[in-house]
């Protein structure tokens, strides 16, 4: 059985760029573990109209992430308890140690994360950098593949074209359900529920792209 590990900093990081690919892996029999570093408690969106506040948001976002995992089919969810918007400032040994513990437990063949330096948000870049440090510290023969998401301006000029492109049209309903799960963060329900926009939705969301990280 193929074992997949997802290491991302926020609830909702999985939904747009990765959920279809994960649903595809699971359909093919893979076991997926999602290690989410934070509860996204510093997010500014509180729903539209607002139904959360700074106090209730962590619990709400945890439930939304659980619903998203259920929609995708993810079997295992681990909440690592780091602070939102603080990943770049976390104790590096502590952060790397927790990620290494999860890798040792899951023994994944593939890890999905963000491409450090090309993922826009500081937490995204810091999470990807931590995964690369940890996997890079493993013996070459023991390293899982690291597939990274990138979307910063000019990223293809810097790191080239993605070497993995996954057609996820077959899993578009899983993906839309994942997006809808995060209702405190996304306010595009009308568009995502409109059948008239189905072709545009499939066109926009039907392919997911990854870069396999090349270790020196």
Foldseek 3Di string as FASTA:
>chain_A
DAEEEEEEAELVPCQQFHLLVLLVCVVVPYAYEYEHAALQLPDPFQFVVHDHDSVCSSVLSVQLSVQLCVLSVHDHYHYNHDYPLCLQPDDLVVLLVVVVVVCVVRLHQEYEAADAPFAPRPRRNSRNVSLCVNLLPDDPVSHHWYWHDGDHPPVCVVVNFFPDKDFRLVVVSSSLSSNVSVRSRDDCVVCSPDPVCVVVSCVSRRMHGIHTDDHD
